[in-house]
Amino acid sequence: MTAQTRLELAFEQLVDQCDILAVHDCECCSTCAHSLLAGELESKPHLRGYVFYHGQDLDSARDDGELYIRFASRGDTAEDTAAVGQAAAEILRACGLEVYWSGESDRAIHVTLPDEDIHFLDSMRDDDDVEDEDDEEDDEPGVGEEEEQESEEEEEGQQEGSNVAEDYYDALEGGGQARDVWLVLNSAWEQRLQASKERRPPGPPVRLPYTSEAFELA
């Protein structure tokens, strides 16, 4: 009997024999899982508590072979919660799983999985989780899309730099010497713009007269 079969059997027995809700791969984390299962307890008054493991527990178990089984009770006391944990630990052991639990109500149950059985964790993942991962991979840009995006960003930067230069000219218009300075700098800007198309590195920031700001010549 594989670890997967033993775990599934244990969860079935918790539901049938102990009135404890047992859920595989419940949500992404403890916070979300507790929120969901607490609502289940409210709608099912015969249940005394619940046990579960979540998506992050599965990911961790793939790395170290330790699957954390978490639990909670309907009651408000630590004794009530510990009783749920005790029932879960006993049934997991009875089903042939290697279990460690400190006996404390705020500590998860550790189930050690044999190396040859760790692969079954992939089949325990919720289908929605797998689809979400596939969608994220599809959303990642390809090499050609990245190059196109970089080219568009470069063109936008060049246009922005040109607009800045024109704004400075408007501010200096009628300033005589200042306008001459701008013409020299604008010529340098055009030369740098041409050089940028040849993939040359950007030049240093240039500070124009009568201003407190600087802009970079590409």
Protein backbone atom coordinates (compact mmCIF):
# COMPACT_ATOMS: atom_id res chain seq x y z
CA MET A 1 0.00 0.00 0.00
CA THR A 2 1.40 3.39 -1.01
CA ALA A 3 1.60 6.50 1.17
CA GLN A 4 -1.09 8.10 -0.98
CA THR A 5 -3.50 5.22 -0.33
CA ARG A 6 -2.74 5.29 3.39
CA LEU A 7 -3.30 9.04 3.60
CA GLU A 8 -6.58 8.86 1.70
CA LEU A 9 -7.76 6.00 3.92
CA ALA A 10 -6.88 7.93 7.07
CA PHE A 11 -8.81 10.99 5.94
CA GLU A 12 -11.84 8.84 5.09
CA GLN A 13 -11.77 7.25 8.54
CA LEU A 14 -11.54 10.64 10.25
CA VAL A 15 -14.76 11.66 8.51
CA ASP A 16 -16.62 8.38 9.00
CA GLN A 17 -15.47 7.37 12.47
CA CYS A 18 -14.56 10.60 14.24
CA ASP A 19 -16.85 13.26 12.74
CA ILE A 20 -13.75 15.23 11.76
CA LEU A 21 -13.74 16.93 8.37
CA ALA A 22 -10.57 15.98 6.47
CA VAL A 23 -9.58 17.86 3.33
CA HIS A 24 -6.69 17.26 0.92
CA ASP A 25 -4.83 20.23 -0.61
CA CYS A 26 -7.11 22.81 1.02
CA GLU A 27 -6.43 26.29 -0.33
CA CYS A 28 -2.98 27.88 -0.66
CA CYS A 29 -2.09 28.57 2.97
CA SER A 30 -3.22 28.08 6.58
CA THR A 31 -5.07 31.40 6.78
CA CYS A 32 -7.23 30.69 3.73
CA ALA A 33 -7.83 27.08 4.71
CA HIS A 34 -8.91 27.90 8.28
CA SER A 35 -11.25 30.58 6.95
CA LEU A 36 -12.89 28.13 4.55
CA LEU A 37 -13.16 25.19 6.94
CA ALA A 38 -14.43 27.27 9.85
CA GLY A 39 -17.41 28.10 7.65
CA GLU A 40 -17.92 24.38 7.00
CA LEU A 41 -18.07 23.73 10.75
CA GLU A 42 -20.77 26.35 11.16
CA SER A 43 -22.92 24.75 8.48
CA LYS A 44 -22.37 21.17 9.78
CA PRO A 45 -23.02 21.12 13.54
CA HIS A 46 -22.26 17.38 13.87
CA LEU A 47 -18.56 17.93 13.08
CA ARG A 48 -16.20 18.28 16.03
CA GLY A 49 -13.33 19.74 14.03
CA TYR A 50 -11.26 19.47 10.87
CA VAL A 51 -7.84 18.45 9.56
CA PHE A 52 -6.13 19.46 6.33
CA TYR A 53 -2.94 20.25 4.52
CA HIS A 54 -2.62 23.10 2.03
CA GLY A 55 -0.79 23.80 -1.23
CA GLN A 56 2.33 25.19 0.43
CA ASP A 57 2.54 22.06 2.58
CA LEU A 58 2.59 19.97 -0.60
CA ASP A 59 5.37 22.08 -2.08
CA SER A 60 7.41 21.75 1.11
CA ALA A 61 6.86 17.98 1.27
CA ARG A 62 8.30 17.59 -2.22
CA ASP A 63 11.56 19.03 -0.92
CA ASP A 64 11.98 17.28 2.45
CA GLY A 65 9.41 14.45 2.50
CA GLU A 66 7.61 15.93 5.54
CA LEU A 67 3.88 16.60 5.10
CA TYR A 68 2.29 18.79 7.79
CA ILE A 69 -1.25 17.89 8.81
CA ARG A 70 -3.01 20.83 10.46
CA PHE A 71 -6.17 20.79 12.56
CA ALA A 72 -8.68 22.78 14.58
CA SER A 73 -11.76 22.08 16.68
CA ARG A 74 -15.22 23.47 17.16
CA GLY A 75 -14.49 24.07 20.83
CA ASP A 76 -12.65 27.13 22.11
CA THR A 77 -10.24 25.38 24.46
CA ALA A 78 -6.76 24.00 23.81
CA GLU A 79 -7.98 20.64 25.12
CA ASP A 80 -10.70 20.47 22.46
CA THR A 81 -8.20 21.22 19.71
CA ALA A 82 -5.63 18.76 21.09
CA ALA A 83 -8.32 16.05 21.12
CA VAL A 84 -8.81 16.53 17.36
CA GLY A 85 -5.05 16.36 16.83
CA GLN A 86 -4.82 13.20 18.94
CA ALA A 87 -7.56 11.48 16.95
CA ALA A 88 -5.89 12.44 13.67
CA ALA A 89 -2.44 11.25 14.79
CA GLU A 90 -3.81 7.90 16.00
CA ILE A 91 -5.66 7.17 12.75
CA LEU A 92 -2.71 8.22 10.60
CA ARG A 93 -0.51 5.79 12.55
CA ALA A 94 -3.15 3.04 12.35
CA CYS A 95 -3.13 3.41 8.57
CA GLY A 96 0.60 2.71 8.50
CA LEU A 97 2.04 6.22 8.17
CA GLU A 98 5.10 7.41 10.09
CA VAL A 99 3.81 10.16 12.37
CA TYR A 100 5.35 12.60 14.80
CA TRP A 101 3.29 14.99 16.91
CA SER A 102 4.27 16.80 20.09
CA GLY A 103 0.76 16.56 21.52
CA GLU A 104 0.38 20.33 21.64
CA SER A 105 -2.74 21.96 20.22
CA ASP A 106 -0.79 24.61 18.33
CA ARG A 107 1.67 22.23 16.64
CA ALA A 108 1.04 20.49 13.32
CA ILE A 109 1.29 16.72 12.88
CA HIS A 110 4.33 15.63 10.85
CA VAL A 111 3.91 12.73 8.42
CA THR A 112 7.18 11.41 7.00
CA LEU A 113 6.75 10.10 3.46
CA PRO A 114 8.99 7.38 1.99
CA ASP A 115 11.26 8.63 -0.79
CA GLU A 116 9.67 6.28 -3.32
CA ASP A 117 6.20 7.68 -2.56
CA ILE A 118 6.89 11.42 -2.71
CA HIS A 119 5.94 11.51 -6.39
CA PHE A 120 2.29 10.91 -5.46
CA LEU A 121 2.09 14.49 -4.15
CA ASP A 122 1.68 15.77 -7.70
CA SER A 123 -1.54 13.79 -8.06
CA MET A 124 -2.85 15.34 -4.82
CA ARG A 125 -2.72 18.86 -6.23
CA ASP A 126 -6.03 20.52 -6.93
CA ASP A 127 -6.72 20.78 -10.69
CA ASP A 128 -7.29 24.53 -10.34
CA ASP A 129 -3.78 24.94 -8.93
CA VAL A 130 -2.27 23.17 -11.93
CA GLU A 131 -4.31 25.28 -14.36
CA ASP A 132 -3.22 28.48 -12.60
CA GLU A 133 0.43 27.50 -12.95
CA ASP A 134 -0.06 26.76 -16.67
CA ASP A 135 -1.73 30.14 -17.15
CA GLU A 136 1.21 31.90 -15.47
CA GLU A 137 3.63 30.14 -17.82
CA ASP A 138 1.53 31.17 -20.83
CA ASP A 139 1.55 34.77 -19.64
CA GLU A 140 5.35 34.94 -19.57
CA PRO A 141 6.67 36.80 -22.64
CA GLY A 142 8.83 34.96 -25.17
CA VAL A 143 12.25 36.08 -26.33
CA GLY A 144 10.85 37.87 -29.38
CA GLU A 145 8.23 39.68 -27.28
CA GLU A 146 10.87 40.83 -24.79
CA GLU A 147 13.04 42.27 -27.59
CA GLU A 148 10.03 44.07 -29.08
CA GLN A 149 9.13 45.50 -25.67
CA GLU A 150 12.72 46.71 -25.12
CA SER A 151 12.70 48.39 -28.54
CA GLU A 152 9.43 50.19 -27.76
CA GLU A 153 10.79 51.36 -24.41
CA GLU A 154 13.95 52.67 -26.08
CA GLU A 155 11.92 54.65 -28.64
CA GLU A 156 9.76 56.10 -25.88
CA GLY A 157 12.88 57.15 -23.98
CA GLN A 158 14.30 58.87 -27.04
CA GLN A 159 11.05 60.72 -27.67
CA GLU A 160 10.88 61.77 -24.03
CA GLY A 161 14.44 63.12 -24.20
CA SER A 162 13.58 65.09 -27.34
CA ASN A 163 10.51 66.59 -25.67
CA VAL A 164 12.60 67.64 -22.67
CA ALA A 165 15.07 69.42 -24.95
CA GLU A 166 12.24 71.25 -26.73
CA ASP A 167 10.78 72.31 -23.37
CA TYR A 168 14.13 73.80 -22.39
CA TYR A 169 14.30 75.71 -25.68
CA ASP A 170 10.84 77.17 -25.10
CA ALA A 171 11.94 78.29 -21.64
CA LEU A 172 15.11 79.93 -23.01
CA GLU A 173 13.59 81.44 -26.16
CA GLY A 174 14.56 85.11 -26.53
CA GLY A 175 17.54 84.64 -24.22
CA GLY A 176 20.20 85.30 -26.89
CA GLN A 177 23.28 83.60 -25.51
CA ALA A 178 21.18 81.01 -23.75
CA ARG A 179 19.52 80.14 -27.07
CA ASP A 180 22.93 79.70 -28.70
CA VAL A 181 23.91 77.37 -25.90
CA TRP A 182 20.77 75.40 -26.50
CA LEU A 183 21.53 75.08 -30.21
CA VAL A 184 24.95 73.65 -29.44
CA LEU A 185 23.51 71.21 -26.96
CA ASN A 186 20.68 70.26 -29.30
CA SER A 187 23.27 69.43 -31.97
CA ALA A 188 25.04 67.23 -29.45
CA TRP A 189 21.71 65.65 -28.57
CA GLU A 190 21.04 64.74 -32.20
CA GLN A 191 24.52 63.23 -32.50
CA ARG A 192 23.98 61.20 -29.36
CA LEU A 193 20.55 60.13 -30.61
CA GLN A 194 22.14 58.78 -33.77
CA ALA A 195 24.82 57.04 -31.74
CA SER A 196 22.17 55.38 -29.55
CA LYS A 197 20.78 53.63 -32.59
CA GLU A 198 24.18 51.94 -32.91
CA ARG A 199 23.83 50.62 -29.34
CA ARG A 200 26.44 52.94 -27.84
CA PRO A 201 26.33 53.52 -24.06
CA PRO A 202 24.46 56.64 -22.82
CA GLY A 203 26.37 59.85 -22.13
CA PRO A 204 26.57 61.68 -18.79
CA PRO A 205 23.82 64.01 -17.48
CA VAL A 206 23.98 67.56 -18.89
CA ARG A 207 22.92 70.61 -16.88
CA LEU A 208 21.59 73.50 -18.95
CA PRO A 209 22.09 77.15 -17.94
CA TYR A 210 19.46 78.90 -15.83
CA THR A 211 17.92 75.63 -14.67
CA SER A 212 18.17 73.42 -11.59
CA GLU A 213 17.41 70.21 -13.47
CA ALA A 214 19.51 67.93 -15.63
CA PHE A 215 18.67 65.47 -18.33
CA GLU A 216 20.61 62.60 -19.92
CA LEU A 217 21.75 62.68 -23.51
CA ALA A 218 21.16 59.23 -24.99
